[in-house]
Amino acid sequence: MRVLSCHERYSICLFKPSVRRGTDRTGTVVEFSEGEEIDANFQHTGLLDHEALAALDHFSFHGLPEGVNPLRTISVFDSESFCEQYPEEQREDMQGRIDNRLEELAPKFPSMMLIVDQPRAPKPWETYDEMEPEDILTIREQTGTSPEAVRIYEIENANRDEIVEAMLRIEDPEGAEREFGAEESVGEPIPVQA
């Protein structure tokens, strides 16, 4: 998940360690912290084109001196990049927790934070959604439409394996073979002459 702030060095605490009271071995009442504090520290780098448009549309940039580009104040937090610091087996769970927390916080601070979704892939052609897979494969070949464009749109929408696999076999035959196995041959086997 990518989140924007209209402040250059914005930071927000996502999780605080829980504090509990107990006694130590001498019988003294002490506080113990469990867990770690996790802060979202926004960076002033990596703003994508669609994010810049969303920021200009969403945030109010009152008070900036004349001539200052408001995009110079935008900072970005990317939860996927942030979670790279955790061991691989923990990343998915941690990213899910962080994304859920950001979704809770963003509506509470709308003038400070904006969650920006990745733009969806454009439809390869107007009648694509009404077509059967066989027809899509035929039209794609006839029109020379990029197999990557068809595959990405298909994954984001109907996600039909036969189309995704066919496009990947055109784009990356070795990768498709690793993911889907060897391509099945069509027709009668050719007899071997002795």
C-alpha atoms as a PDB file:
ATOM      1  CA  MET A   1       0.000   0.000   0.000  1.00  0.00           C
ATOM      2  CA  ARG A   2       1.240   3.472  -0.823  1.00  0.00           C
ATOM      3  CA  VAL A   3       0.211   6.453   1.266  1.00  0.00           C
ATOM      4  CA  LEU A   4       0.921  10.117   0.603  1.00  0.00           C
ATOM      5  CA  SER A   5       1.243  13.023   2.984  1.00  0.00           C
ATOM      6  CA  CYS A   6       1.235  16.706   2.122  1.00  0.00           C
ATOM      7  CA  HIS A   7       4.131  17.208   4.559  1.00  0.00           C
ATOM      8  CA  GLU A   8       7.723  16.608   3.587  1.00  0.00           C
ATOM      9  CA  ARG A   9       8.808  14.616   6.624  1.00  0.00           C
ATOM     10  CA  TYR A  10       5.530  13.229   7.922  1.00  0.00           C
ATOM     11  CA  SER A  11       5.670  10.453  10.510  1.00  0.00           C
ATOM     12  CA  ILE A  12       2.892   8.651  12.343  1.00  0.00           C
ATOM     13  CA  CYS A  13       2.998   5.922  14.966  1.00  0.00           C
ATOM     14  CA  LEU A  14       1.202   2.836  13.697  1.00  0.00           C
ATOM     15  CA  PHE A  15       1.706   0.544  16.699  1.00  0.00           C
ATOM     16  CA  LYS A  16       2.880   1.243  20.215  1.00  0.00           C
ATOM     17  CA  PRO A  17       4.281  -1.473  22.418  1.00  0.00           C
ATOM     18  CA  SER A  18       1.776  -2.635  25.002  1.00  0.00           C
ATOM     19  CA  VAL A  19       2.718  -1.753  28.555  1.00  0.00           C
ATOM     20  CA  ARG A  20       1.808  -3.894  31.513  1.00  0.00           C
ATOM     21  CA  ARG A  21       2.659  -3.760  35.174  1.00  0.00           C
ATOM     22  CA  GLY A  22       4.162  -6.546  37.154  1.00  0.00           C
ATOM     23  CA  THR A  23       6.720  -7.217  39.798  1.00  0.00           C
ATOM     24  CA  ASP A  24      10.355  -7.917  39.244  1.00  0.00           C
ATOM     25  CA  ARG A  25      12.299 -10.534  41.203  1.00  0.00           C
ATOM     26  CA  THR A  26      12.733  -8.152  44.140  1.00  0.00           C
ATOM     27  CA  GLY A  27       8.980  -7.573  44.429  1.00  0.00           C
ATOM     28  CA  THR A  28       9.120  -4.013  43.086  1.00  0.00           C
ATOM     29  CA  VAL A  29       6.247  -2.981  40.801  1.00  0.00           C
ATOM     30  CA  VAL A  30       7.627  -2.204  37.350  1.00  0.00           C
ATOM     31  CA  GLU A  31       6.269  -1.618  33.850  1.00  0.00           C
ATOM     32  CA  PHE A  32       7.122  -4.019  31.046  1.00  0.00           C
ATOM     33  CA  SER A  33       6.865  -3.196  27.337  1.00  0.00           C
ATOM     34  CA  GLU A  34       5.818  -5.966  24.976  1.00  0.00           C
ATOM     35  CA  GLY A  35       6.149  -5.671  21.240  1.00  0.00           C
ATOM     36  CA  GLU A  36       7.831  -2.976  19.203  1.00  0.00           C
ATOM     37  CA  GLU A  37       6.874   0.540  18.223  1.00  0.00           C
ATOM     38  CA  ILE A  38       6.288   0.808  14.497  1.00  0.00           C
ATOM     39  CA  ASP A  39       6.307   4.230  12.879  1.00  0.00           C
ATOM     40  CA  ALA A  40       5.462   5.113   9.298  1.00  0.00           C
ATOM     41  CA  ASN A  41       8.186   7.555   8.286  1.00  0.00           C
ATOM     42  CA  PHE A  42       7.230   9.107   4.975  1.00  0.00           C
ATOM     43  CA  GLN A  43      10.005   9.814   2.460  1.00  0.00           C
ATOM     44  CA  HIS A  44      10.295  12.716   0.062  1.00  0.00           C
ATOM     45  CA  THR A  45      11.162  10.409  -2.865  1.00  0.00           C
ATOM     46  CA  GLY A  46       9.479   8.035  -5.266  1.00  0.00           C
ATOM     47  CA  LEU A  47       6.305   9.979  -6.083  1.00  0.00           C
ATOM     48  CA  LEU A  48       4.666   8.356  -9.138  1.00  0.00           C
ATOM     49  CA  ASP A  49       2.772  10.300 -11.826  1.00  0.00           C
ATOM     50  CA  HIS A  50      -0.694   9.049 -10.839  1.00  0.00           C
ATOM     51  CA  GLU A  51       0.128   9.784  -7.192  1.00  0.00           C
ATOM     52  CA  ALA A  52       1.124  13.359  -8.014  1.00  0.00           C
ATOM     53  CA  LEU A  53      -2.247  13.914  -9.705  1.00  0.00           C
ATOM     54  CA  ALA A  54      -4.090  12.374  -6.735  1.00  0.00           C
ATOM     55  CA  ALA A  55      -2.138  14.572  -4.299  1.00  0.00           C
ATOM     56  CA  LEU A  56      -2.887  17.761  -6.228  1.00  0.00           C
ATOM     57  CA  ASP A  57      -6.558  16.811  -6.336  1.00  0.00           C
ATOM     58  CA  HIS A  58      -6.841  15.828  -2.648  1.00  0.00           C
ATOM     59  CA  PHE A  59      -4.607  18.084  -0.551  1.00  0.00           C
ATOM     60  CA  SER A  60      -4.945  21.796   0.136  1.00  0.00           C
ATOM     61  CA  PHE A  61      -1.647  23.592  -0.195  1.00  0.00           C
ATOM     62  CA  HIS A  62      -2.570  26.881   1.509  1.00  0.00           C
ATOM     63  CA  GLY A  63       0.281  28.896   2.936  1.00  0.00           C
ATOM     64  CA  LEU A  64       2.962  27.911   0.446  1.00  0.00           C
ATOM     65  CA  PRO A  65       5.050  30.816  -0.793  1.00  0.00           C
ATOM     66  CA  GLU A  66       4.314  31.915  -4.329  1.00  0.00           C
ATOM     67  CA  GLY A  67       6.302  29.981  -6.904  1.00  0.00           C
ATOM     68  CA  VAL A  68       6.806  26.893  -4.722  1.00  0.00           C
ATOM     69  CA  ASN A  69       5.720  23.699  -6.434  1.00  0.00           C
ATOM     70  CA  PRO A  70       3.291  21.973  -4.019  1.00  0.00           C
ATOM     71  CA  LEU A  71       4.575  18.573  -5.132  1.00  0.00           C
ATOM     72  CA  ARG A  72       7.872  19.396  -3.404  1.00  0.00           C
ATOM     73  CA  THR A  73       6.087  18.975  -0.065  1.00  0.00           C
ATOM     74  CA  ILE A  74       4.608  15.524  -0.790  1.00  0.00           C
ATOM     75  CA  SER A  75       6.114  12.496   0.953  1.00  0.00           C
ATOM     76  CA  VAL A  76       5.416   8.796   0.436  1.00  0.00           C
ATOM     77  CA  PHE A  77       5.174   5.712   2.646  1.00  0.00           C
ATOM     78  CA  ASP A  78       5.245   2.314   0.919  1.00  0.00           C
ATOM     79  CA  SER A  79       4.283  -0.524   3.266  1.00  0.00           C
ATOM     80  CA  GLU A  80       5.696  -3.197   0.963  1.00  0.00           C
ATOM     81  CA  SER A  81       9.124  -1.529   0.895  1.00  0.00           C
ATOM     82  CA  PHE A  82       8.949  -0.921   4.634  1.00  0.00           C
ATOM     83  CA  CYS A  83       8.318  -4.622   5.320  1.00  0.00           C
ATOM     84  CA  GLU A  84      11.484  -5.642   3.433  1.00  0.00           C
ATOM     85  CA  GLN A  85      13.346  -5.197   6.743  1.00  0.00           C
ATOM     86  CA  TYR A  86      11.502  -8.164   8.300  1.00  0.00           C
ATOM     87  CA  PRO A  87      12.362 -11.838   7.728  1.00  0.00           C
ATOM     88  CA  GLU A  88      10.589 -13.192   4.652  1.00  0.00           C
ATOM     89  CA  GLU A  89       8.244 -15.431   6.658  1.00  0.00           C
ATOM     90  CA  GLN A  90       6.962 -12.398   8.617  1.00  0.00           C
ATOM     91  CA  ARG A  91       6.566  -9.899   5.759  1.00  0.00           C
ATOM     92  CA  GLU A  92       3.101 -10.802   4.514  1.00  0.00           C
ATOM     93  CA  ASP A  93       1.569 -10.791   7.993  1.00  0.00           C
ATOM     94  CA  MET A  94       3.326  -7.549   8.974  1.00  0.00           C
ATOM     95  CA  GLN A  95       2.312  -5.819   5.749  1.00  0.00           C
ATOM     96  CA  GLY A  96      -1.302  -6.885   6.302  1.00  0.00           C
ATOM     97  CA  ARG A  97      -1.249  -5.449   9.832  1.00  0.00           C
ATOM     98  CA  ILE A  98       0.332  -2.192   8.664  1.00  0.00           C
ATOM     99  CA  ASP A  99      -2.053  -1.822   5.704  1.00  0.00           C
ATOM    100  CA  ASN A 100      -5.071  -2.396   7.970  1.00  0.00           C
ATOM    101  CA  ARG A 101      -3.791   0.201  10.425  1.00  0.00           C
ATOM    102  CA  LEU A 102      -3.181   2.746   7.647  1.00  0.00           C
ATOM    103  CA  GLU A 103      -6.735   2.157   6.389  1.00  0.00           C
ATOM    104  CA  GLU A 104      -7.994   2.916   9.923  1.00  0.00           C
ATOM    105  CA  LEU A 105      -5.892   6.063  10.294  1.00  0.00           C
ATOM    106  CA  ALA A 106      -6.267   7.691   6.850  1.00  0.00           C
ATOM    107  CA  PRO A 107      -9.960   8.666   7.318  1.00  0.00           C
ATOM    108  CA  LYS A 108      -9.103  10.188  10.713  1.00  0.00           C
ATOM    109  CA  PHE A 109      -6.439  12.438   9.181  1.00  0.00           C
ATOM    110  CA  PRO A 110      -7.733  13.240   5.674  1.00  0.00           C
ATOM    111  CA  SER A 111      -5.838  16.520   5.452  1.00  0.00           C
ATOM    112  CA  MET A 112      -2.563  14.716   6.281  1.00  0.00           C
ATOM    113  CA  MET A 113      -2.751  11.294   4.594  1.00  0.00           C
ATOM    114  CA  LEU A 114      -4.085   9.818   1.370  1.00  0.00           C
ATOM    115  CA  ILE A 115      -4.040   6.152   0.370  1.00  0.00           C
ATOM    116  CA  VAL A 116      -3.394   5.890  -3.356  1.00  0.00           C
ATOM    117  CA  ASP A 117      -4.316   2.745  -5.251  1.00  0.00           C
ATOM    118  CA  GLN A 118      -2.348   1.498  -8.225  1.00  0.00           C
ATOM    119  CA  PRO A 119      -4.183   2.508 -11.400  1.00  0.00           C
ATOM    120  CA  ARG A 120      -5.983  -0.352 -13.074  1.00  0.00           C
ATOM    121  CA  ALA A 121      -4.851  -1.623 -16.442  1.00  0.00           C
ATOM    122  CA  PRO A 122      -6.850  -0.306 -19.396  1.00  0.00           C
ATOM    123  CA  LYS A 123      -9.196  -2.646 -21.248  1.00  0.00           C
ATOM    124  CA  PRO A 124      -7.290  -4.099 -24.253  1.00  0.00           C
ATOM    125  CA  TRP A 125     -10.252  -3.312 -26.561  1.00  0.00           C
ATOM    126  CA  GLU A 126     -13.831  -2.153 -26.092  1.00  0.00           C
ATOM    127  CA  THR A 127     -15.638  -5.525 -26.362  1.00  0.00           C
ATOM    128  CA  TYR A 128     -13.044  -7.510 -24.368  1.00  0.00           C
ATOM    129  CA  ASP A 129     -15.260  -8.197 -21.329  1.00  0.00           C
ATOM    130  CA  GLU A 130     -18.087  -9.659 -23.408  1.00  0.00           C
ATOM    131  CA  MET A 131     -15.868 -12.124 -25.296  1.00  0.00           C
ATOM    132  CA  GLU A 132     -15.155 -15.794 -24.686  1.00  0.00           C
ATOM    133  CA  PRO A 133     -11.528 -16.818 -24.032  1.00  0.00           C
ATOM    134  CA  GLU A 134     -11.080 -18.424 -27.472  1.00  0.00           C
ATOM    135  CA  ASP A 135     -12.266 -15.217 -29.161  1.00  0.00           C
ATOM    136  CA  ILE A 136      -9.978 -13.089 -27.000  1.00  0.00           C
ATOM    137  CA  LEU A 137      -6.966 -15.177 -28.001  1.00  0.00           C
ATOM    138  CA  THR A 138      -7.914 -14.915 -31.683  1.00  0.00           C
ATOM    139  CA  ILE A 139      -8.507 -11.137 -31.605  1.00  0.00           C
ATOM    140  CA  ARG A 140      -5.290 -10.565 -29.645  1.00  0.00           C
ATOM    141  CA  GLU A 141      -3.313 -12.410 -32.318  1.00  0.00           C
ATOM    142  CA  GLN A 142      -5.092 -10.622 -35.186  1.00  0.00           C
ATOM    143  CA  THR A 143      -4.663  -7.145 -33.715  1.00  0.00           C
ATOM    144  CA  GLY A 144      -1.159  -7.660 -32.340  1.00  0.00           C
ATOM    145  CA  THR A 145      -2.249  -6.348 -28.938  1.00  0.00           C
ATOM    146  CA  SER A 146       0.492  -6.676 -26.344  1.00  0.00           C
ATOM    147  CA  PRO A 147       0.200 -10.015 -24.513  1.00  0.00           C
ATOM    148  CA  GLU A 148       1.356  -8.240 -21.345  1.00  0.00           C
ATOM    149  CA  ALA A 149      -1.517  -5.726 -21.595  1.00  0.00           C
ATOM    150  CA  VAL A 150      -4.029  -8.564 -22.019  1.00  0.00           C
ATOM    151  CA  ARG A 151      -2.504 -10.607 -19.186  1.00  0.00           C
ATOM    152  CA  ILE A 152      -2.431  -7.738 -16.678  1.00  0.00           C
ATOM    153  CA  TYR A 153      -6.000  -6.682 -17.469  1.00  0.00           C
ATOM    154  CA  GLU A 154      -7.167 -10.296 -17.229  1.00  0.00           C
ATOM    155  CA  ILE A 155      -5.474 -10.816 -13.830  1.00  0.00           C
ATOM    156  CA  GLU A 156      -7.086  -7.637 -12.440  1.00  0.00           C
ATOM    157  CA  ASN A 157     -10.555  -8.603 -13.665  1.00  0.00           C
ATOM    158  CA  ALA A 158     -11.794 -12.103 -14.607  1.00  0.00           C
ATOM    159  CA  ASN A 159      -8.426 -13.835 -13.990  1.00  0.00           C
ATOM    160  CA  ARG A 160      -9.128 -16.777 -16.309  1.00  0.00           C
ATOM    161  CA  ASP A 161      -6.197 -19.189 -16.202  1.00  0.00           C
ATOM    162  CA  GLU A 162      -6.380 -20.102 -19.890  1.00  0.00           C
ATOM    163  CA  ILE A 163      -5.883 -16.482 -20.978  1.00  0.00           C
ATOM    164  CA  VAL A 164      -3.235 -15.680 -18.372  1.00  0.00           C
ATOM    165  CA  GLU A 165      -1.285 -18.813 -19.282  1.00  0.00           C
ATOM    166  CA  ALA A 166      -1.555 -18.200 -23.049  1.00  0.00           C
ATOM    167  CA  MET A 167      -0.283 -14.626 -22.691  1.00  0.00           C
ATOM    168  CA  LEU A 168       2.567 -15.648 -20.405  1.00  0.00           C
ATOM    169  CA  ARG A 169       3.606 -18.364 -22.884  1.00  0.00           C
ATOM    170  CA  ILE A 170       3.972 -15.633 -25.529  1.00  0.00           C
ATOM    171  CA  GLU A 171       5.757 -13.158 -23.215  1.00  0.00           C
ATOM    172  CA  ASP A 172       8.015 -15.508 -21.270  1.00  0.00           C
ATOM    173  CA  PRO A 173       7.942 -19.131 -22.479  1.00  0.00           C
ATOM    174  CA  GLU A 174      10.469 -20.326 -19.871  1.00  0.00           C
ATOM    175  CA  GLY A 175       8.655 -18.601 -17.014  1.00  0.00           C
ATOM    176  CA  ALA A 176       5.324 -20.019 -18.228  1.00  0.00           C
ATOM    177  CA  GLU A 177       6.797 -23.511 -18.350  1.00  0.00           C
ATOM    178  CA  ARG A 178       8.034 -23.142 -14.747  1.00  0.00           C
ATOM    179  CA  GLU A 179       4.648 -21.858 -13.602  1.00  0.00           C
ATOM    180  CA  PHE A 180       2.266 -23.977 -15.702  1.00  0.00           C
ATOM    181  CA  GLY A 181       4.397 -26.898 -16.866  1.00  0.00           C
ATOM    182  CA  ALA A 182       5.242 -27.936 -20.407  1.00  0.00           C
ATOM    183  CA  GLU A 183       2.763 -26.898 -23.075  1.00  0.00           C
ATOM    184  CA  GLU A 184       0.472 -29.703 -24.201  1.00  0.00           C
ATOM    185  CA  SER A 185       0.918 -30.650 -27.834  1.00  0.00           C
ATOM    186  CA  VAL A 186      -2.123 -30.580 -30.061  1.00  0.00           C
ATOM    187  CA  GLY A 187      -2.960 -33.266 -32.599  1.00  0.00           C
ATOM    188  CA  GLU A 188      -1.669 -36.739 -33.330  1.00  0.00           C
ATOM    189  CA  PRO A 189       1.859 -37.686 -32.329  1.00  0.00           C
ATOM    190  CA  ILE A 190       4.220 -37.902 -35.267  1.00  0.00           C
ATOM    191  CA  PRO A 191       5.438 -41.475 -35.792  1.00  0.00           C
ATOM    192  CA  VAL A 192       9.186 -41.970 -35.629  1.00  0.00           C
ATOM    193  CA  GLN A 193      10.705 -43.673 -38.674  1.00  0.00           C
ATOM    194  CA  ALA A 194      13.018 -46.568 -37.881  1.00  0.00           C
END
